[in-house]
């Protein structure tokens, strides 16, 4: 179908077991998310922050913060140094290991151990076999790390050691060679790779090819077999896909087309069928929509609009088959690149790249209304926020 497999393990020398480097005044207890204050006090939760270390105004590694689960208030807790350009982060299902991309030429993925009550430890890095990896995710089984190389237009698979969380040599690398890029596109640009709720299929969103590819992951060999692909209208620039909890529908943010699309998904075949593009509520012009979130109860969806500096709120209708635009809410920062819910979905965190801030919103479970809480939290070139 036009996929191209590349060979070679791409093993990169390990970064080594670099120890956590705390900011002034930070304590290991806060970084590890253990109880703060006197006995019976609320437990502070952790928030990891992705950034660019190679750009002016960027950070020096993976940022660490704590947030109050009752108020959403953020507190700086230091940095995990020695991790280059960690622009996207993901947690293992057991939350014992954090994974980060290294979004540079000759990109890599890095594993960071999160010992309970101890300091984070960088376990090492592995080459993704491509340039500019910008997204990664852990397969729900916890044995495979999936990553997307934006510049190279390819996707990679690495094994995860079940005992330590460390990464093994790459087991697969697949380039997106078909269909050819549309007008104005320079080539394939894989922007996301995620596992469908059925856990059998892996979907890769390619902004440059206006295509979403479906693969079947061999869970023993760590290889990807192509099974289907969905082509969007030329110039859509699909960036990010989020599934409805039912697993029958998914929502696609189209960066270049400034639209969203509701997609039907068939778990049996892995086939994705995009519907008609619809409005982001941001008016004329391109607002570079970045990411969609869907609430656990499947009732509401939220979209980050970078150019408009807003979050669009949708009501989800007809069991997931339809998005109804409700309103847009100012994000309180510049260029919201990524969104994340707290585990209880009481809070929504927006990472604002150009303003170097994270804004926190309280989420009303009944209406989906967003209420900004507190002042924006400063974080150098914040491009990813990962609460746990």
Protein backbone atom coordinates (compact mmCIF):
# COMPACT_ATOMS: atom_id res chain seq x y z
CA UNK A 1 0.00 0.00 0.00
CA UNK A 2 3.03 2.28 -0.25
CA UNK A 3 4.48 1.84 3.22
CA UNK A 4 8.23 1.37 3.23
CA UNK A 5 10.02 -0.57 5.96
CA UNK A 6 13.57 0.40 6.85
CA UNK A 7 16.13 -1.87 8.45
CA UNK A 8 18.63 -1.39 11.25
CA UNK A 9 18.17 -1.30 14.99
CA UNK A 10 19.29 2.30 15.42
CA UNK A 11 20.79 1.66 18.84
CA UNK A 12 22.13 4.83 20.39
CA UNK A 13 24.56 4.97 23.26
CA UNK A 14 22.69 5.33 26.53
CA UNK A 15 22.47 8.71 28.17
CA UNK A 16 23.39 6.94 31.40
CA UNK A 17 21.76 6.98 34.81
CA UNK A 18 21.87 10.73 35.25
CA UNK A 19 20.42 11.79 38.55
CA UNK A 20 17.64 14.29 38.96
CA UNK A 21 18.88 17.86 39.30
CA UNK A 22 16.56 19.85 41.56
CA UNK A 23 15.89 23.55 41.27
CA UNK A 24 16.73 25.76 44.20
CA UNK A 25 14.51 24.93 47.12
CA UNK A 26 12.97 21.84 45.47
CA UNK A 27 12.70 18.70 47.54
CA UNK A 28 12.60 15.10 46.41
CA UNK A 29 9.34 14.52 48.24
CA UNK A 30 7.61 17.17 46.14
CA UNK A 31 9.10 15.86 42.89
CA UNK A 32 8.03 12.34 43.69
CA UNK A 33 4.47 13.42 44.50
CA UNK A 34 4.44 12.17 48.07
CA UNK A 35 2.31 13.73 50.78
CA UNK A 36 3.31 17.30 51.60
CA UNK A 37 2.83 19.04 54.92
CA UNK A 38 1.55 17.51 58.17
CA UNK A 39 -0.08 14.12 58.45
CA UNK A 40 -3.47 14.04 56.76
CA UNK A 41 -2.65 16.93 54.39
CA UNK A 42 -3.61 16.68 50.72
CA UNK A 43 -1.22 14.71 48.56
CA UNK A 44 0.51 16.86 45.97
CA UNK A 45 0.36 15.39 42.48
CA UNK A 46 3.11 15.54 39.86
CA UNK A 47 3.15 17.48 36.61
CA UNK A 48 5.89 16.88 34.03
CA UNK A 49 6.66 19.64 31.53
CA UNK A 50 8.05 19.23 28.02
CA UNK A 51 10.12 21.96 26.36
CA UNK A 52 12.78 22.63 23.74
CA UNK A 53 16.30 22.80 25.15
CA UNK A 54 18.01 23.75 21.88
CA UNK A 55 15.97 26.90 21.21
CA UNK A 56 16.42 30.35 22.74
CA UNK A 57 14.16 30.74 25.76
CA UNK A 58 13.77 26.99 26.17
CA UNK A 59 14.27 24.85 29.22
CA UNK A 60 17.16 22.70 30.43
CA UNK A 61 15.36 19.35 30.53
CA UNK A 62 12.03 17.90 31.62
CA UNK A 63 10.39 20.35 34.00
CA UNK A 64 8.91 19.16 37.28
CA UNK A 65 6.00 20.73 39.11
CA UNK A 66 3.48 19.75 41.72
CA UNK A 67 -0.20 20.59 41.64
CA UNK A 68 -2.76 20.76 44.39
CA UNK A 69 -5.56 18.30 43.51
CA UNK A 70 -8.10 20.50 45.34
CA UNK A 71 -7.22 23.87 43.76
CA UNK A 72 -5.14 23.05 40.68
CA UNK A 73 -2.40 25.43 41.90
CA UNK A 74 1.06 24.66 40.51
CA UNK A 75 4.41 24.78 42.31
CA UNK A 76 7.85 24.49 40.66
CA UNK A 77 9.78 21.40 41.78
CA UNK A 78 12.91 21.34 39.61
CA UNK A 79 14.08 19.74 36.39
CA UNK A 80 15.29 16.39 35.06
CA UNK A 81 18.47 17.51 33.31
CA UNK A 82 20.25 15.74 30.48
CA UNK A 83 17.17 15.13 28.30
CA UNK A 84 17.41 17.07 25.04
CA UNK A 85 14.38 18.70 23.37
CA UNK A 86 11.76 16.69 25.32
CA UNK A 87 8.85 18.19 23.38
CA UNK A 88 6.41 15.34 24.06
CA UNK A 89 6.05 13.07 27.08
CA UNK A 90 4.19 9.86 27.93
CA UNK A 91 3.83 7.69 31.02
CA UNK A 92 3.96 3.91 31.25
CA UNK A 93 0.64 2.36 32.34
CA UNK A 94 2.10 1.56 35.77
CA UNK A 95 3.43 5.16 36.04
CA UNK A 96 6.89 3.92 37.01
CA UNK A 97 8.57 5.23 33.85
CA UNK A 98 8.36 8.45 31.86
CA UNK A 99 9.24 8.59 28.15
CA UNK A 100 10.31 11.64 26.15
CA UNK A 101 11.09 12.38 22.52
CA UNK A 102 14.29 14.15 21.52
CA UNK A 103 12.95 16.34 18.69
CA UNK A 104 16.23 16.95 16.89
CA UNK A 105 17.92 15.73 13.73
CA UNK A 106 18.80 12.08 14.31
CA UNK A 107 16.07 11.97 16.93
CA UNK A 108 15.71 9.68 19.89
CA UNK A 109 13.40 8.52 22.65
CA UNK A 110 14.48 8.53 26.29
CA UNK A 111 13.29 6.55 29.32
CA UNK A 112 13.25 8.09 32.81
CA UNK A 113 12.63 5.91 35.86
CA UNK A 114 10.30 7.34 38.53
CA UNK A 115 11.14 5.51 41.77
CA UNK A 116 8.49 5.95 44.41
CA UNK A 117 9.74 8.45 46.98
CA UNK A 118 13.04 8.91 45.10
CA UNK A 119 14.61 11.08 42.44
CA UNK A 120 13.88 10.50 38.72
CA UNK A 121 16.73 8.68 36.94
CA UNK A 122 17.47 8.90 33.21
CA UNK A 123 17.87 5.30 32.03
CA UNK A 124 19.09 5.97 28.48
CA UNK A 125 18.08 6.82 24.93
CA UNK A 126 17.49 4.98 21.67
CA UNK A 127 17.49 6.33 18.12
CA UNK A 128 14.11 6.54 16.41
CA UNK A 129 15.77 6.10 13.02
CA UNK A 130 14.40 9.43 11.82
CA UNK A 131 14.52 13.18 12.25
CA UNK A 132 12.39 15.35 14.48
CA UNK A 133 10.31 12.86 16.48
CA UNK A 134 7.44 14.91 17.90
CA UNK A 135 5.06 12.36 19.44
CA UNK A 136 5.22 9.07 21.31
CA UNK A 137 2.82 6.78 23.15
CA UNK A 138 3.01 3.57 25.14
CA UNK A 139 0.98 0.61 23.92
CA UNK A 140 -1.62 -0.27 26.60
CA UNK A 141 0.14 -3.57 27.32
CA UNK A 142 3.19 -1.60 28.47
CA UNK A 143 5.67 -3.59 26.37
CA UNK A 144 6.10 -1.31 23.34
CA UNK A 145 6.90 2.37 22.80
CA UNK A 146 5.59 3.94 19.59
CA UNK A 147 7.03 7.17 18.15
CA UNK A 148 6.42 9.44 15.15
CA UNK A 149 9.26 11.14 13.24
CA UNK A 150 7.85 14.41 11.90
CA UNK A 151 10.64 15.51 9.57
CA UNK A 152 11.26 12.02 8.14
CA UNK A 153 7.59 11.02 7.91
CA UNK A 154 8.07 7.65 9.59
CA UNK A 155 7.00 5.73 12.70
CA UNK A 156 9.12 3.54 14.99
CA UNK A 157 8.69 0.84 17.62
CA UNK A 158 10.92 0.11 20.63
CA UNK A 159 10.57 -2.67 23.22
CA UNK A 160 10.20 -1.77 26.89
CA UNK A 161 11.95 -3.85 29.53
CA UNK A 162 9.13 -5.04 31.84
CA UNK A 163 11.37 -4.99 34.90
CA UNK A 164 13.11 -1.63 34.53
CA UNK A 165 11.13 0.35 31.92
CA UNK A 166 14.31 0.85 29.87
CA UNK A 167 14.14 0.82 26.07
CA UNK A 168 15.63 -1.86 23.87
CA UNK A 169 16.89 -1.59 20.27
CA UNK A 170 14.30 -0.47 17.74
CA UNK A 171 12.25 -3.34 16.32
CA UNK A 172 10.61 -1.54 13.41
CA UNK A 173 10.68 1.65 11.33
CA UNK A 174 8.06 2.31 8.65
CA UNK A 175 8.17 5.28 6.25
CA UNK A 176 5.01 6.85 4.84
CA UNK A 177 5.68 6.69 1.11
CA UNK A 178 2.09 6.80 -0.18
CA UNK A 179 0.02 8.73 -1.09
CA UNK A 180 2.15 11.59 -2.44
CA UNK A 181 1.91 14.91 -0.60
CA UNK A 182 -0.71 17.36 -1.83
CA UNK A 183 -0.25 20.96 -3.00
CA UNK A 184 1.85 23.06 -0.65
CA UNK A 185 3.16 20.02 1.22
CA UNK A 186 6.88 19.20 1.16
CA UNK A 187 6.63 15.52 2.06
CA UNK A 188 5.27 13.11 4.66
CA UNK A 189 5.29 14.42 8.24
CA UNK A 190 4.16 11.90 10.85
CA UNK A 191 2.73 13.92 13.72
CA UNK A 192 1.12 11.35 16.03
CA UNK A 193 0.99 7.63 16.70
CA UNK A 194 -1.61 6.17 19.04
CA UNK A 195 -3.31 2.86 19.84
CA UNK A 196 -7.02 2.42 19.19
CA UNK A 197 -9.25 1.41 22.13
CA UNK A 198 -9.40 -2.14 20.72
CA UNK A 199 -5.61 -2.37 21.42
CA UNK A 200 -5.15 -4.34 18.17
CA UNK A 201 -4.60 -1.41 15.85
CA UNK A 202 -2.15 1.48 15.86
CA UNK A 203 -3.00 4.68 13.99
CA UNK A 204 -0.44 7.17 12.67
CA UNK A 205 -1.52 10.68 11.68
CA UNK A 206 0.57 12.19 8.87
CA UNK A 207 0.18 15.95 8.41
CA UNK A 208 2.23 16.10 5.20
CA UNK A 209 0.41 13.29 3.38
CA UNK A 210 -3.09 14.29 4.60
CA UNK A 211 -3.47 10.67 5.65
CA UNK A 212 -4.15 8.53 8.72
CA UNK A 213 -2.48 5.10 8.50
CA UNK A 214 -3.71 2.03 10.38
CA UNK A 215 -1.29 -0.73 11.39
CA UNK A 216 -1.60 -3.97 13.28
CA UNK A 217 1.08 -4.34 15.95
CA UNK A 218 2.65 -7.77 16.37
CA UNK A 219 2.94 -7.81 20.15
CA UNK A 220 5.62 -10.51 20.15
CA UNK A 221 7.90 -9.16 17.41
CA UNK A 222 7.22 -5.42 17.80
CA UNK A 223 6.53 -4.92 14.10
CA UNK A 224 3.82 -2.96 12.30
CA UNK A 225 1.75 -4.46 9.48
CA UNK A 226 -0.24 -1.95 7.35
CA UNK A 227 -3.96 -2.74 7.12
CA UNK A 228 -5.70 0.48 5.95
CA UNK A 229 -5.33 4.18 5.36
CA UNK A 230 -7.73 7.13 5.27
CA UNK A 231 -7.01 10.08 2.99
CA UNK A 232 -8.23 13.55 3.98
CA UNK A 233 -9.01 16.36 1.51
CA UNK A 234 -5.77 17.90 0.15
CA UNK A 235 -4.46 20.63 2.43
CA UNK A 236 -6.18 19.34 5.57
CA UNK A 237 -2.92 18.78 7.45
CA UNK A 238 -4.23 16.28 10.04
CA UNK A 239 -2.31 16.62 13.30
CA UNK A 240 -3.99 14.86 16.20
CA UNK A 241 -6.57 12.07 16.62
CA UNK A 242 -8.58 11.38 19.80
CA UNK A 243 -10.99 8.49 20.28
CA UNK A 244 -14.44 8.66 21.83
CA UNK A 245 -14.72 6.28 24.83
CA UNK A 246 -17.10 4.06 22.83
CA UNK A 247 -14.28 3.23 20.42
CA UNK A 248 -16.65 3.65 17.47
CA UNK A 249 -15.70 7.26 16.68
CA UNK A 250 -12.60 9.43 16.69
CA UNK A 251 -12.06 13.16 16.30
CA UNK A 252 -9.35 14.59 14.07
CA UNK A 253 -7.80 18.06 14.37
CA UNK A 254 -6.71 19.39 10.97
CA UNK A 255 -3.94 21.94 11.48
CA UNK A 256 -3.69 23.38 7.98
CA UNK A 257 -7.39 23.24 7.11
CA UNK A 258 -8.39 24.80 10.44
CA UNK A 259 -11.13 22.19 10.90
CA UNK A 260 -12.09 19.14 12.91
CA UNK A 261 -13.61 15.95 11.54
CA UNK A 262 -15.67 13.22 13.16
CA UNK A 263 -14.42 9.82 11.97
CA UNK A 264 -16.14 6.44 12.10
CA UNK A 265 -13.87 3.63 13.26
CA UNK A 266 -14.31 -0.10 12.69
CA UNK A 267 -12.45 -2.09 15.39
CA UNK A 268 -12.62 -5.26 13.31
CA UNK A 269 -10.77 -3.92 10.29
CA UNK A 270 -9.05 -0.90 11.80
CA UNK A 271 -10.57 1.23 9.06
CA UNK A 272 -11.09 4.93 9.77
CA UNK A 273 -13.66 6.89 7.72
CA UNK A 274 -13.42 10.70 8.14
CA UNK A 275 -16.60 12.76 7.95
CA UNK A 276 -17.08 16.28 6.63
CA UNK A 277 -14.72 18.94 8.06
CA UNK A 278 -16.40 21.31 10.49
CA UNK A 279 -15.67 24.62 12.19
CA UNK A 280 -13.32 25.22 15.09
CA UNK A 281 -15.31 28.34 16.03
CA UNK A 282 -12.27 30.59 15.56
CA UNK A 283 -13.52 32.53 12.53
CA UNK A 284 -11.71 33.08 9.21
CA UNK A 285 -8.03 32.37 8.75
CA UNK A 286 -5.84 29.56 9.97
CA UNK A 287 -5.65 29.10 13.71
CA UNK A 288 -3.47 25.98 13.72
CA UNK A 289 -5.65 23.68 15.81
CA UNK A 290 -3.35 21.43 17.79
CA UNK A 291 -5.00 18.83 19.97
CA UNK A 292 -8.40 17.44 20.97
CA UNK A 293 -9.38 16.01 24.35
CA UNK A 294 -12.56 14.04 25.07
CA UNK A 295 -13.96 13.61 28.57
CA UNK A 296 -14.07 10.12 30.03
CA UNK A 297 -17.88 10.15 30.03
CA UNK A 298 -17.86 10.98 26.31
CA UNK A 299 -20.01 14.10 26.69
CA UNK A 300 -17.57 16.92 25.85
CA UNK A 301 -14.54 17.60 23.66
CA UNK A 302 -12.00 20.43 23.83
CA UNK A 303 -9.73 21.73 21.07
CA UNK A 304 -6.58 23.86 21.44
CA UNK A 305 -6.35 26.70 18.88
CA UNK A 306 -2.83 28.09 18.74
CA UNK A 307 -3.35 31.11 16.45
CA UNK A 308 -6.61 32.08 18.14
CA UNK A 309 -5.19 31.42 21.62
CA UNK A 310 -8.36 29.72 22.69
CA UNK A 311 -9.98 26.42 23.60
CA UNK A 312 -13.07 25.34 21.65
CA UNK A 313 -15.72 23.48 23.64
CA UNK A 314 -17.91 20.91 21.88
CA UNK A 315 -20.84 18.87 23.10
CA UNK A 316 -20.62 15.27 21.91
CA UNK A 317 -23.96 14.01 20.58
CA UNK A 318 -25.51 10.87 19.10
CA UNK A 319 -23.28 8.49 21.00
CA UNK A 320 -20.13 10.11 19.66
CA UNK A 321 -21.23 10.53 16.03
CA UNK A 322 -21.53 14.32 16.16
CA UNK A 323 -19.73 17.33 17.63
CA UNK A 324 -21.82 20.41 18.41
CA UNK A 325 -19.84 23.61 18.83
CA UNK A 326 -20.65 25.38 22.12
CA UNK A 327 -18.13 28.21 22.51
CA UNK A 328 -14.49 29.25 22.58
CA UNK A 329 -12.65 30.23 25.76
CA UNK A 330 -9.49 32.43 25.88
CA UNK A 331 -6.59 30.26 26.99
CA UNK A 332 -4.79 33.01 28.88
CA UNK A 333 -1.50 32.32 27.09
CA UNK A 334 0.12 32.39 23.67
CA UNK A 335 0.12 29.40 21.29
CA UNK A 336 -1.48 26.53 23.27
CA UNK A 337 0.30 23.54 21.77
CA UNK A 338 -0.93 20.73 24.00
CA UNK A 339 -3.72 19.91 26.47
CA UNK A 340 -4.02 17.32 29.24
CA UNK A 341 -6.56 16.32 31.87
CA UNK A 342 -5.64 15.49 35.44
CA UNK A 343 -6.36 11.79 36.12
CA UNK A 344 -9.69 12.67 37.78
CA UNK A 345 -10.47 15.10 34.89
CA UNK A 346 -11.22 17.83 37.37
CA UNK A 347 -8.47 20.00 35.88
CA UNK A 348 -7.35 20.77 32.34
CA UNK A 349 -3.77 21.96 31.75
CA UNK A 350 -2.80 23.95 28.63
CA UNK A 351 0.88 24.27 27.65
CA UNK A 352 1.43 27.64 25.93
CA UNK A 353 4.60 27.56 23.85
CA UNK A 354 5.19 31.23 22.98
CA UNK A 355 4.25 32.74 26.34
CA UNK A 356 6.15 30.04 28.25
CA UNK A 357 3.25 29.34 30.58
CA UNK A 358 0.80 26.67 31.68
CA UNK A 359 -2.79 27.67 32.33
CA UNK A 360 -5.08 25.59 34.53
CA UNK A 361 -8.83 25.29 34.04
CA UNK A 362 -11.44 23.76 36.32
CA UNK A 363 -13.72 21.47 34.29
CA UNK A 364 -17.42 21.39 35.19
CA UNK A 365 -18.44 17.74 34.89
CA UNK A 366 -22.08 18.57 34.09
CA UNK A 367 -21.72 21.34 31.52
CA UNK A 368 -18.14 20.99 30.35
CA UNK A 369 -17.62 24.66 31.18
CA UNK A 370 -14.02 25.75 31.67
CA UNK A 371 -13.04 28.20 34.41
CA UNK A 372 -9.48 29.46 34.53
CA UNK A 373 -7.94 29.23 37.98
CA UNK A 374 -5.02 31.28 39.23
CA UNK A 375 -2.34 33.11 37.27
CA UNK A 376 -0.53 31.39 34.38
CA UNK A 377 2.32 29.24 35.67
CA UNK A 378 5.74 30.13 34.16
CA UNK A 379 7.48 27.27 32.34
CA UNK A 380 10.21 27.86 29.72
CA UNK A 381 8.74 27.28 26.23
CA UNK A 382 6.06 24.96 27.56
CA UNK A 383 5.02 22.56 24.78
CA UNK A 384 3.72 19.63 26.81
CA UNK A 385 2.09 19.22 30.22
CA UNK A 386 1.66 15.73 31.65
CA UNK A 387 -0.14 15.46 35.01
CA UNK A 388 -0.25 12.20 36.94
